[in-house]
Amino acid sequence: MTEPTAQPLTSEELSDDEFTAIRELLRDRRQFDLGQYKDRCIRRRIAKRLRLCKVANFASYLKRLEMDRDELDTLLATLSIHVSQFFRNPGIFRILEQRILPDLCQRVRTAKRTRLTLWSAGCASGEEPYSLAMLVDDLAATDLDIRILATDISNPVLETARSGHFDVTRMKEVPPEVISRYFRAENGRYRLIECVRNKVEFLRHNIMTANEYPAADLILCRNVMIYFTRQEQERILSRFAAALPEHGALVLGRSETMTDNIRCYYHAEFPVERIYRRNAVPVSIPAI
């Protein structure tokens, strides 16, 4: 008689020891610490990956993780939440196009600088930084060196972003004239034209563990903070403040807010859209 196949584990059935085993494996091999994320969210996503793999039990999956580096990277991508669209929340991008970017360009010129740096932290598969790149192209600020930096913790996700290929579902907020101008149809998908792809530099960077944050005039970190504990949110927002110049801009997700200990570093310029400006208060970064 054949034994019944065990059902994949749910997030409630994942024991503390099992969670710790995955946490240690990711920390040792990918420098990714699950301990700084909200526990419930992470357990739910581990359970989702277990179900997709159809493993009989946790021990089988842990053995697979230890032997298969591709599966370890796939789990990391699953845990780091890569959901995006071009011009997601169009109102935010209208404000960036009409108000924030022209103002930042003028401030750079007034300061007699030549470089403007825009940073998409947690860039996922690239829709957000590429949306910025299209705005920059339309801005035509040819007197400035505008650098768009896009970072994420998952190398496979970054490789996908670099390719510039996108499914139709990612294009919902893109006007037809923008698609015609910046994209080419390829095998049922769209590919961003090369001159726009080349405006974005993709790098691996973990905002939880990195020793350094790049200096930037504009930081977009949307729908990332909700997965961190309050303590980590404060530390990251403090480090963003240290990376921004006075009047630099920070954009969070619509469901994300400043914690009380961090509000002193920013003022809300467009509160509904979660667009903040850096003020002159010196930054004190909480210890790890």
C-alpha atoms as a PDB file:
ATOM      1  CA  MET A   1       0.000   0.000   0.000  1.00  0.00           C
ATOM      2  CA  THR A   2       1.409   3.412  -1.000  1.00  0.00           C
ATOM      3  CA  GLU A   3       1.875   5.897   1.804  1.00  0.00           C
ATOM      4  CA  PRO A   4      -0.041   9.169   1.378  1.00  0.00           C
ATOM      5  CA  THR A   5       2.047  12.186   0.388  1.00  0.00           C
ATOM      6  CA  ALA A   6       2.491  14.629   3.241  1.00  0.00           C
ATOM      7  CA  GLN A   7       0.867  18.019   2.753  1.00  0.00           C
ATOM      8  CA  PRO A   8       3.157  21.034   2.408  1.00  0.00           C
ATOM      9  CA  LEU A   9       3.593  23.058   5.523  1.00  0.00           C
ATOM     10  CA  THR A  10       1.571  26.175   6.219  1.00  0.00           C
ATOM     11  CA  SER A  11       2.975  29.279   7.887  1.00  0.00           C
ATOM     12  CA  GLU A  12       1.341  28.206  11.162  1.00  0.00           C
ATOM     13  CA  GLU A  13       3.031  24.787  11.023  1.00  0.00           C
ATOM     14  CA  LEU A  14       6.531  26.171  10.460  1.00  0.00           C
ATOM     15  CA  SER A  15       8.236  25.695  13.814  1.00  0.00           C
ATOM     16  CA  ASP A  16      10.626  28.166  15.404  1.00  0.00           C
ATOM     17  CA  ASP A  17      13.532  25.745  14.842  1.00  0.00           C
ATOM     18  CA  GLU A  18      12.660  25.371  11.162  1.00  0.00           C
ATOM     19  CA  PHE A  19      12.348  29.118  10.718  1.00  0.00           C
ATOM     20  CA  THR A  20      15.739  29.560  12.411  1.00  0.00           C
ATOM     21  CA  ALA A  21      17.330  26.979  10.088  1.00  0.00           C
ATOM     22  CA  ILE A  22      16.217  28.929   6.987  1.00  0.00           C
ATOM     23  CA  ARG A  23      17.194  32.208   8.594  1.00  0.00           C
ATOM     24  CA  GLU A  24      20.742  30.981   9.306  1.00  0.00           C
ATOM     25  CA  LEU A  25      21.138  29.553   5.796  1.00  0.00           C
ATOM     26  CA  LEU A  26      20.126  32.846   4.141  1.00  0.00           C
ATOM     27  CA  ARG A  27      22.269  34.866   6.518  1.00  0.00           C
ATOM     28  CA  ASP A  28      25.385  32.725   5.987  1.00  0.00           C
ATOM     29  CA  ARG A  29      25.121  32.279   2.203  1.00  0.00           C
ATOM     30  CA  ARG A  30      23.307  35.429   1.027  1.00  0.00           C
ATOM     31  CA  GLN A  31      23.920  37.940   3.878  1.00  0.00           C
ATOM     32  CA  PHE A  32      20.150  38.311   4.228  1.00  0.00           C
ATOM     33  CA  ASP A  33      18.822  38.441   7.792  1.00  0.00           C
ATOM     34  CA  LEU A  34      15.195  37.388   8.218  1.00  0.00           C
ATOM     35  CA  GLY A  35      15.304  38.473  11.835  1.00  0.00           C
ATOM     36  CA  GLN A  36      14.825  42.111  10.803  1.00  0.00           C
ATOM     37  CA  TYR A  37      11.579  41.435   8.924  1.00  0.00           C
ATOM     38  CA  LYS A  38       8.101  41.075  10.368  1.00  0.00           C
ATOM     39  CA  ASP A  39       7.868  37.425  11.346  1.00  0.00           C
ATOM     40  CA  ARG A  40       4.321  36.722  10.112  1.00  0.00           C
ATOM     41  CA  CYS A  41       4.929  38.074   6.596  1.00  0.00           C
ATOM     42  CA  ILE A  42       8.091  36.033   6.161  1.00  0.00           C
ATOM     43  CA  ARG A  43       6.636  32.770   7.465  1.00  0.00           C
ATOM     44  CA  ARG A  44       3.705  33.150   5.073  1.00  0.00           C
ATOM     45  CA  ARG A  45       6.043  33.586   2.100  1.00  0.00           C
ATOM     46  CA  ILE A  46       8.232  30.633   3.093  1.00  0.00           C
ATOM     47  CA  ALA A  47       5.070  28.519   3.267  1.00  0.00           C
ATOM     48  CA  LYS A  48       4.086  29.735  -0.197  1.00  0.00           C
ATOM     49  CA  ARG A  49       7.425  28.584  -1.602  1.00  0.00           C
ATOM     50  CA  LEU A  50       7.110  25.208   0.137  1.00  0.00           C
ATOM     51  CA  ARG A  51       3.683  24.689  -1.468  1.00  0.00           C
ATOM     52  CA  LEU A  52       5.017  25.584  -4.921  1.00  0.00           C
ATOM     53  CA  CYS A  53       7.865  23.083  -4.522  1.00  0.00           C
ATOM     54  CA  LYS A  54       5.435  20.341  -3.401  1.00  0.00           C
ATOM     55  CA  VAL A  55       7.910  19.020  -0.843  1.00  0.00           C
ATOM     56  CA  ALA A  56       6.797  16.267   1.530  1.00  0.00           C
ATOM     57  CA  ASN A  57       8.247  17.897   4.637  1.00  0.00           C
ATOM     58  CA  PHE A  58      10.464  20.681   5.833  1.00  0.00           C
ATOM     59  CA  ALA A  59      13.588  18.510   6.122  1.00  0.00           C
ATOM     60  CA  SER A  60      13.383  17.726   2.398  1.00  0.00           C
ATOM     61  CA  TYR A  61      13.150  21.385   1.534  1.00  0.00           C
ATOM     62  CA  LEU A  62      16.030  22.367   3.819  1.00  0.00           C
ATOM     63  CA  LYS A  63      18.229  19.712   2.182  1.00  0.00           C
ATOM     64  CA  ARG A  64      17.295  21.117  -1.219  1.00  0.00           C
ATOM     65  CA  LEU A  65      18.231  24.635  -0.098  1.00  0.00           C
ATOM     66  CA  GLU A  66      21.621  23.425   1.111  1.00  0.00           C
ATOM     67  CA  MET A  67      22.380  21.695  -2.217  1.00  0.00           C
ATOM     68  CA  ASP A  68      20.670  23.933  -4.774  1.00  0.00           C
ATOM     69  CA  ARG A  69      21.896  27.534  -4.952  1.00  0.00           C
ATOM     70  CA  ASP A  70      19.237  28.377  -7.549  1.00  0.00           C
ATOM     71  CA  GLU A  71      16.482  27.416  -5.139  1.00  0.00           C
ATOM     72  CA  LEU A  72      18.119  29.508  -2.424  1.00  0.00           C
ATOM     73  CA  ASP A  73      18.044  32.514  -4.760  1.00  0.00           C
ATOM     74  CA  THR A  74      14.448  31.770  -5.728  1.00  0.00           C
ATOM     75  CA  LEU A  75      13.437  31.712  -2.070  1.00  0.00           C
ATOM     76  CA  LEU A  76      15.271  34.981  -1.493  1.00  0.00           C
ATOM     77  CA  ALA A  77      13.376  36.584  -4.396  1.00  0.00           C
ATOM     78  CA  THR A  78      10.099  35.248  -2.966  1.00  0.00           C
ATOM     79  CA  LEU A  79      10.839  36.740   0.438  1.00  0.00           C
ATOM     80  CA  SER A  80      11.906  40.128  -0.860  1.00  0.00           C
ATOM     81  CA  ILE A  81       8.550  40.964  -2.501  1.00  0.00           C
ATOM     82  CA  HIS A  82       9.018  41.965  -6.135  1.00  0.00           C
ATOM     83  CA  VAL A  83       5.739  43.473  -7.320  1.00  0.00           C
ATOM     84  CA  SER A  84       5.760  46.537  -9.547  1.00  0.00           C
ATOM     85  CA  GLN A  85       4.331  48.269 -12.599  1.00  0.00           C
ATOM     86  CA  PHE A  86       5.428  51.153 -14.758  1.00  0.00           C
ATOM     87  CA  PHE A  87       4.262  54.495 -13.346  1.00  0.00           C
ATOM     88  CA  ARG A  88       2.617  52.736 -10.410  1.00  0.00           C
ATOM     89  CA  ASN A  89       0.403  55.338  -8.692  1.00  0.00           C
ATOM     90  CA  PRO A  90       0.510  57.806 -11.625  1.00  0.00           C
ATOM     91  CA  GLY A  91      -0.191  60.808  -9.380  1.00  0.00           C
ATOM     92  CA  ILE A  92       3.207  60.351  -7.745  1.00  0.00           C
ATOM     93  CA  PHE A  93       4.992  60.349 -11.083  1.00  0.00           C
ATOM     94  CA  ARG A  94       3.114  63.450 -12.229  1.00  0.00           C
ATOM     95  CA  ILE A  95       4.374  65.278  -9.137  1.00  0.00           C
ATOM     96  CA  LEU A  96       7.890  63.989  -9.744  1.00  0.00           C
ATOM     97  CA  GLU A  97       7.751  65.097 -13.378  1.00  0.00           C
ATOM     98  CA  GLN A  98       6.167  68.512 -12.843  1.00  0.00           C
ATOM     99  CA  ARG A  99       7.477  69.590  -9.438  1.00  0.00           C
ATOM    100  CA  ILE A 100      10.188  67.505  -7.799  1.00  0.00           C
ATOM    101  CA  LEU A 101      12.597  66.760 -10.667  1.00  0.00           C
ATOM    102  CA  PRO A 102      12.627  70.315 -12.119  1.00  0.00           C
ATOM    103  CA  ASP A 103      13.189  71.710  -8.614  1.00  0.00           C
ATOM    104  CA  LEU A 104      16.034  69.277  -7.871  1.00  0.00           C
ATOM    105  CA  CYS A 105      17.670  70.102 -11.202  1.00  0.00           C
ATOM    106  CA  GLN A 106      17.549  73.800 -10.387  1.00  0.00           C
ATOM    107  CA  ARG A 107      18.998  73.237  -6.916  1.00  0.00           C
ATOM    108  CA  VAL A 108      21.872  71.237  -8.384  1.00  0.00           C
ATOM    109  CA  ARG A 109      22.602  74.042 -10.839  1.00  0.00           C
ATOM    110  CA  THR A 110      22.424  76.682  -8.107  1.00  0.00           C
ATOM    111  CA  ALA A 111      24.903  74.661  -6.042  1.00  0.00           C
ATOM    112  CA  LYS A 112      27.159  74.538  -9.123  1.00  0.00           C
ATOM    113  CA  ARG A 113      27.016  70.763  -9.187  1.00  0.00           C
ATOM    114  CA  THR A 114      26.817  68.746 -12.376  1.00  0.00           C
ATOM    115  CA  ARG A 115      25.386  65.422 -11.129  1.00  0.00           C
ATOM    116  CA  LEU A 116      21.873  64.627  -9.944  1.00  0.00           C
ATOM    117  CA  THR A 117      21.400  61.170  -8.390  1.00  0.00           C
ATOM    118  CA  LEU A 118      18.065  59.380  -8.242  1.00  0.00           C
ATOM    119  CA  TRP A 119      17.904  56.133  -6.232  1.00  0.00           C
ATOM    120  CA  SER A 120      15.229  53.451  -6.473  1.00  0.00           C
ATOM    121  CA  ALA A 121      15.750  51.292  -3.362  1.00  0.00           C
ATOM    122  CA  GLY A 122      14.052  47.919  -3.660  1.00  0.00           C
ATOM    123  CA  CYS A 123      13.730  48.299  -7.426  1.00  0.00           C
ATOM    124  CA  ALA A 124      12.287  44.822  -8.086  1.00  0.00           C
ATOM    125  CA  SER A 125      12.227  44.022 -11.818  1.00  0.00           C
ATOM    126  CA  GLY A 126      13.019  47.583 -12.841  1.00  0.00           C
ATOM    127  CA  GLU A 127       9.699  49.259 -13.625  1.00  0.00           C
ATOM    128  CA  GLU A 128      10.202  52.069 -11.112  1.00  0.00           C
ATOM    129  CA  PRO A 129      13.738  53.173 -12.117  1.00  0.00           C
ATOM    130  CA  TYR A 130      12.874  52.792 -15.797  1.00  0.00           C
ATOM    131  CA  SER A 131       9.816  54.999 -15.214  1.00  0.00           C
ATOM    132  CA  LEU A 132      12.202  57.582 -13.758  1.00  0.00           C
ATOM    133  CA  ALA A 133      14.485  57.150 -16.776  1.00  0.00           C
ATOM    134  CA  MET A 134      11.631  57.991 -19.124  1.00  0.00           C
ATOM    135  CA  LEU A 135      10.831  61.118 -17.101  1.00  0.00           C
ATOM    136  CA  VAL A 136      14.499  62.102 -17.222  1.00  0.00           C
ATOM    137  CA  ASP A 137      14.603  61.580 -20.982  1.00  0.00           C
ATOM    138  CA  ASP A 138      11.573  63.825 -21.390  1.00  0.00           C
ATOM    139  CA  LEU A 139      13.083  66.387 -19.004  1.00  0.00           C
ATOM    140  CA  ALA A 140      15.936  66.961 -21.458  1.00  0.00           C
ATOM    141  CA  ALA A 141      18.275  68.394 -18.804  1.00  0.00           C
ATOM    142  CA  THR A 142      21.279  67.912 -21.048  1.00  0.00           C
ATOM    143  CA  ASP A 143      23.499  70.175 -18.949  1.00  0.00           C
ATOM    144  CA  LEU A 144      23.354  67.692 -16.034  1.00  0.00           C
ATOM    145  CA  ASP A 145      24.718  64.203 -15.495  1.00  0.00           C
ATOM    146  CA  ILE A 146      21.605  62.471 -14.127  1.00  0.00           C
ATOM    147  CA  ARG A 147      22.426  59.123 -12.553  1.00  0.00           C
ATOM    148  CA  ILE A 148      19.626  56.644 -11.842  1.00  0.00           C
ATOM    149  CA  LEU A 149      20.684  53.992  -9.352  1.00  0.00           C
ATOM    150  CA  ALA A 150      18.462  50.938  -8.887  1.00  0.00           C
ATOM    151  CA  THR A 151      19.186  48.488  -6.069  1.00  0.00           C
ATOM    152  CA  ASP A 152      17.746  45.233  -4.791  1.00  0.00           C
ATOM    153  CA  ILE A 153      18.946  42.274  -2.756  1.00  0.00           C
ATOM    154  CA  SER A 154      18.200  39.581  -5.336  1.00  0.00           C
ATOM    155  CA  ASN A 155      20.699  39.015  -8.155  1.00  0.00           C
ATOM    156  CA  PRO A 156      18.239  37.015 -10.324  1.00  0.00           C
ATOM    157  CA  VAL A 157      15.697  39.820 -10.060  1.00  0.00           C
ATOM    158  CA  LEU A 158      18.352  42.388 -10.998  1.00  0.00           C
ATOM    159  CA  GLU A 159      19.322  40.325 -14.058  1.00  0.00           C
ATOM    160  CA  THR A 160      15.682  40.299 -15.147  1.00  0.00           C
ATOM    161  CA  ALA A 161      15.527  44.065 -14.676  1.00  0.00           C
ATOM    162  CA  ARG A 162      18.658  44.652 -16.753  1.00  0.00           C
ATOM    163  CA  SER A 163      17.145  42.786 -19.707  1.00  0.00           C
ATOM    164  CA  GLY A 164      14.348  45.365 -20.013  1.00  0.00           C
ATOM    165  CA  HIS A 165      11.705  42.803 -21.075  1.00  0.00           C
ATOM    166  CA  PHE A 166       8.208  43.179 -19.644  1.00  0.00           C
ATOM    167  CA  ASP A 167       4.849  41.429 -19.843  1.00  0.00           C
ATOM    168  CA  VAL A 168       1.775  43.348 -20.956  1.00  0.00           C
ATOM    169  CA  THR A 169       0.415  43.180 -17.389  1.00  0.00           C
ATOM    170  CA  ARG A 170       3.225  45.509 -16.242  1.00  0.00           C
ATOM    171  CA  MET A 171       2.162  48.179 -18.723  1.00  0.00           C
ATOM    172  CA  LYS A 172      -1.302  49.035 -17.376  1.00  0.00           C
ATOM    173  CA  GLU A 173      -0.444  52.608 -16.390  1.00  0.00           C
ATOM    174  CA  VAL A 174       1.674  53.389 -19.459  1.00  0.00           C
ATOM    175  CA  PRO A 175      -0.009  55.724 -22.005  1.00  0.00           C
ATOM    176  CA  PRO A 176      -0.062  54.364 -25.586  1.00  0.00           C
ATOM    177  CA  GLU A 177       2.111  57.211 -26.824  1.00  0.00           C
ATOM    178  CA  VAL A 178       4.771  56.344 -24.237  1.00  0.00           C
ATOM    179  CA  ILE A 179       4.679  52.684 -25.285  1.00  0.00           C
ATOM    180  CA  SER A 180       5.085  53.737 -28.914  1.00  0.00           C
ATOM    181  CA  ARG A 181       8.005  56.017 -28.075  1.00  0.00           C
ATOM    182  CA  TYR A 182       9.979  53.896 -25.628  1.00  0.00           C
ATOM    183  CA  PHE A 183       9.095  50.219 -26.199  1.00  0.00           C
ATOM    184  CA  ARG A 184       9.382  47.645 -28.962  1.00  0.00           C
ATOM    185  CA  ALA A 185       7.207  44.526 -29.208  1.00  0.00           C
ATOM    186  CA  GLU A 186       9.193  41.270 -28.988  1.00  0.00           C
ATOM    187  CA  ASN A 187       7.596  37.804 -28.885  1.00  0.00           C
ATOM    188  CA  GLY A 188       4.426  38.878 -27.153  1.00  0.00           C
ATOM    189  CA  ARG A 189       6.254  41.101 -24.662  1.00  0.00           C
ATOM    190  CA  TYR A 190       7.660  44.621 -24.651  1.00  0.00           C
ATOM    191  CA  ARG A 191      11.292  45.657 -24.454  1.00  0.00           C
ATOM    192  CA  LEU A 192      12.421  49.091 -23.387  1.00  0.00           C
ATOM    193  CA  ILE A 193      14.632  50.835 -25.915  1.00  0.00           C
ATOM    194  CA  GLU A 194      18.372  50.720 -25.285  1.00  0.00           C
ATOM    195  CA  CYS A 195      19.000  54.439 -24.700  1.00  0.00           C
ATOM    196  CA  VAL A 196      16.553  54.400 -21.762  1.00  0.00           C
ATOM    197  CA  ARG A 197      17.851  51.102 -20.361  1.00  0.00           C
ATOM    198  CA  ASN A 198      21.345  52.578 -20.367  1.00  0.00           C
ATOM    199  CA  LYS A 199      20.267  55.427 -18.084  1.00  0.00           C
ATOM    200  CA  VAL A 200      19.804  52.983 -15.169  1.00  0.00           C
ATOM    201  CA  GLU A 201      22.582  51.325 -13.177  1.00  0.00           C
ATOM    202  CA  PHE A 202      21.465  48.171 -11.336  1.00  0.00           C
ATOM    203  CA  LEU A 203      23.395  47.085  -8.254  1.00  0.00           C
ATOM    204  CA  ARG A 204      22.895  44.601  -5.447  1.00  0.00           C
ATOM    205  CA  HIS A 205      22.377  46.442  -2.150  1.00  0.00           C
ATOM    206  CA  ASN A 206      20.688  45.424   1.086  1.00  0.00           C
ATOM    207  CA  ILE A 207      19.311  48.436   2.960  1.00  0.00           C
ATOM    208  CA  MET A 208      19.181  46.378   6.147  1.00  0.00           C
ATOM    209  CA  THR A 209      22.808  45.297   6.260  1.00  0.00           C
ATOM    210  CA  ALA A 210      24.805  47.598   3.961  1.00  0.00           C
ATOM    211  CA  ASN A 211      27.590  49.577   5.596  1.00  0.00           C
ATOM    212  CA  GLU A 212      27.062  52.479   3.210  1.00  0.00           C
ATOM    213  CA  TYR A 213      24.099  54.152   1.530  1.00  0.00           C
ATOM    214  CA  PRO A 214      24.735  56.047  -1.712  1.00  0.00           C
ATOM    215  CA  ALA A 215      24.307  59.810  -1.577  1.00  0.00           C
ATOM    216  CA  ALA A 216      21.195  60.756  -3.543  1.00  0.00           C
ATOM    217  CA  ASP A 217      19.023  63.785  -4.283  1.00  0.00           C
ATOM    218  CA  LEU A 218      15.865  61.691  -4.628  1.00  0.00           C
ATOM    219  CA  ILE A 219      15.150  58.331  -2.995  1.00  0.00           C
ATOM    220  CA  LEU A 220      12.169  56.161  -3.863  1.00  0.00           C
ATOM    221  CA  CYS A 221      11.572  53.312  -1.426  1.00  0.00           C
ATOM    222  CA  ARG A 222       7.957  52.341  -1.904  1.00  0.00           C
ATOM    223  CA  ASN A 223       6.142  49.398  -0.340  1.00  0.00           C
ATOM    224  CA  VAL A 224       9.344  48.081   1.193  1.00  0.00           C
ATOM    225  CA  MET A 225       9.225  49.493   4.728  1.00  0.00           C
ATOM    226  CA  ILE A 226       5.970  47.696   5.584  1.00  0.00           C
ATOM    227  CA  TYR A 227       7.875  44.415   5.816  1.00  0.00           C
ATOM    228  CA  PHE A 228      10.325  45.684   8.441  1.00  0.00           C
ATOM    229  CA  THR A 229       9.966  46.007  12.176  1.00  0.00           C
ATOM    230  CA  ARG A 230       9.469  49.490  13.612  1.00  0.00           C
ATOM    231  CA  GLN A 231      13.069  49.535  14.875  1.00  0.00           C
ATOM    232  CA  GLU A 232      14.414  48.719  11.395  1.00  0.00           C
ATOM    233  CA  GLN A 233      12.134  51.285   9.780  1.00  0.00           C
ATOM    234  CA  GLU A 234      13.587  53.990  12.015  1.00  0.00           C
ATOM    235  CA  ARG A 235      17.141  52.960  11.273  1.00  0.00           C
ATOM    236  CA  ILE A 236      16.581  52.857   7.498  1.00  0.00           C
ATOM    237  CA  LEU A 237      14.714  56.177   7.399  1.00  0.00           C
ATOM    238  CA  SER A 238      17.502  57.752   9.442  1.00  0.00           C
ATOM    239  CA  ARG A 239      20.086  56.480   6.985  1.00  0.00           C
ATOM    240  CA  PHE A 240      18.028  57.811   4.073  1.00  0.00           C
ATOM    241  CA  ALA A 241      18.043  61.197   5.797  1.00  0.00           C
ATOM    242  CA  ALA A 242      21.833  61.022   6.096  1.00  0.00           C
ATOM    243  CA  ALA A 243      22.106  60.155   2.382  1.00  0.00           C
ATOM    244  CA  LEU A 244      19.947  63.101   1.265  1.00  0.00           C
ATOM    245  CA  PRO A 245      21.029  66.745   1.056  1.00  0.00           C
ATOM    246  CA  GLU A 246      18.849  69.460   2.523  1.00  0.00           C
ATOM    247  CA  HIS A 247      15.712  69.724   0.327  1.00  0.00           C
ATOM    248  CA  GLY A 248      16.382  66.261  -1.095  1.00  0.00           C
ATOM    249  CA  ALA A 249      13.225  64.199  -1.621  1.00  0.00           C
ATOM    250  CA  LEU A 250      12.074  60.853  -0.240  1.00  0.00           C
ATOM    251  CA  VAL A 251       9.089  58.938  -1.618  1.00  0.00           C
ATOM    252  CA  LEU A 252       7.482  56.132   0.407  1.00  0.00           C
ATOM    253  CA  GLY A 253       4.562  53.857  -0.404  1.00  0.00           C
ATOM    254  CA  ARG A 254       1.057  55.140   0.231  1.00  0.00           C
ATOM    255  CA  SER A 255       0.525  52.732   3.115  1.00  0.00           C
ATOM    256  CA  GLU A 256       3.808  53.734   4.779  1.00  0.00           C
ATOM    257  CA  THR A 257       4.288  56.545   7.274  1.00  0.00           C
ATOM    258  CA  MET A 258       7.094  58.214   9.179  1.00  0.00           C
ATOM    259  CA  THR A 259       7.631  56.979  12.704  1.00  0.00           C
ATOM    260  CA  ASP A 260       7.553  59.610  15.460  1.00  0.00           C
ATOM    261  CA  ASN A 261      11.300  59.473  16.067  1.00  0.00           C
ATOM    262  CA  ILE A 262      12.048  60.191  12.390  1.00  0.00           C
ATOM    263  CA  ARG A 263       9.646  63.019  11.567  1.00  0.00           C
ATOM    264  CA  CYS A 264      12.144  65.638  12.719  1.00  0.00           C
ATOM    265  CA  TYR A 265      14.363  64.927   9.681  1.00  0.00           C
ATOM    266  CA  TYR A 266      11.665  65.493   7.065  1.00  0.00           C
ATOM    267  CA  HIS A 267       8.658  67.600   6.244  1.00  0.00           C
ATOM    268  CA  ALA A 268       5.765  66.273   4.172  1.00  0.00           C
ATOM    269  CA  GLU A 269       5.530  68.265   0.936  1.00  0.00           C
ATOM    270  CA  PHE A 270       2.815  66.073  -0.598  1.00  0.00           C
ATOM    271  CA  PRO A 271       1.409  64.091   2.359  1.00  0.00           C
ATOM    272  CA  VAL A 272      -1.191  62.063   0.451  1.00  0.00           C
ATOM    273  CA  GLU A 273       1.461  60.816  -1.964  1.00  0.00           C
ATOM    274  CA  ARG A 274       4.005  60.258   0.839  1.00  0.00           C
ATOM    275  CA  ILE A 275       6.550  62.638  -0.702  1.00  0.00           C
ATOM    276  CA  TYR A 276       8.876  64.202   1.872  1.00  0.00           C
ATOM    277  CA  ARG A 277      11.683  66.758   1.837  1.00  0.00           C
ATOM    278  CA  ARG A 278      14.822  66.546   3.939  1.00  0.00           C
ATOM    279  CA  ASN A 279      15.298  69.429   6.374  1.00  0.00           C
ATOM    280  CA  ALA A 280      18.458  70.657   8.078  1.00  0.00           C
ATOM    281  CA  VAL A 281      18.234  68.695  11.344  1.00  0.00           C
ATOM    282  CA  PRO A 282      21.451  66.667  11.923  1.00  0.00           C
ATOM    283  CA  VAL A 283      20.904  62.915  11.737  1.00  0.00           C
ATOM    284  CA  SER A 284      21.341  60.494  14.596  1.00  0.00           C
ATOM    285  CA  ILE A 285      21.286  56.918  13.297  1.00  0.00           C
ATOM    286  CA  PRO A 286      20.009  54.305  15.772  1.00  0.00           C
ATOM    287  CA  ALA A 287      22.441  51.512  16.626  1.00  0.00           C
ATOM    288  CA  ILE A 288      21.878  48.059  15.176  1.00  0.00           C
END
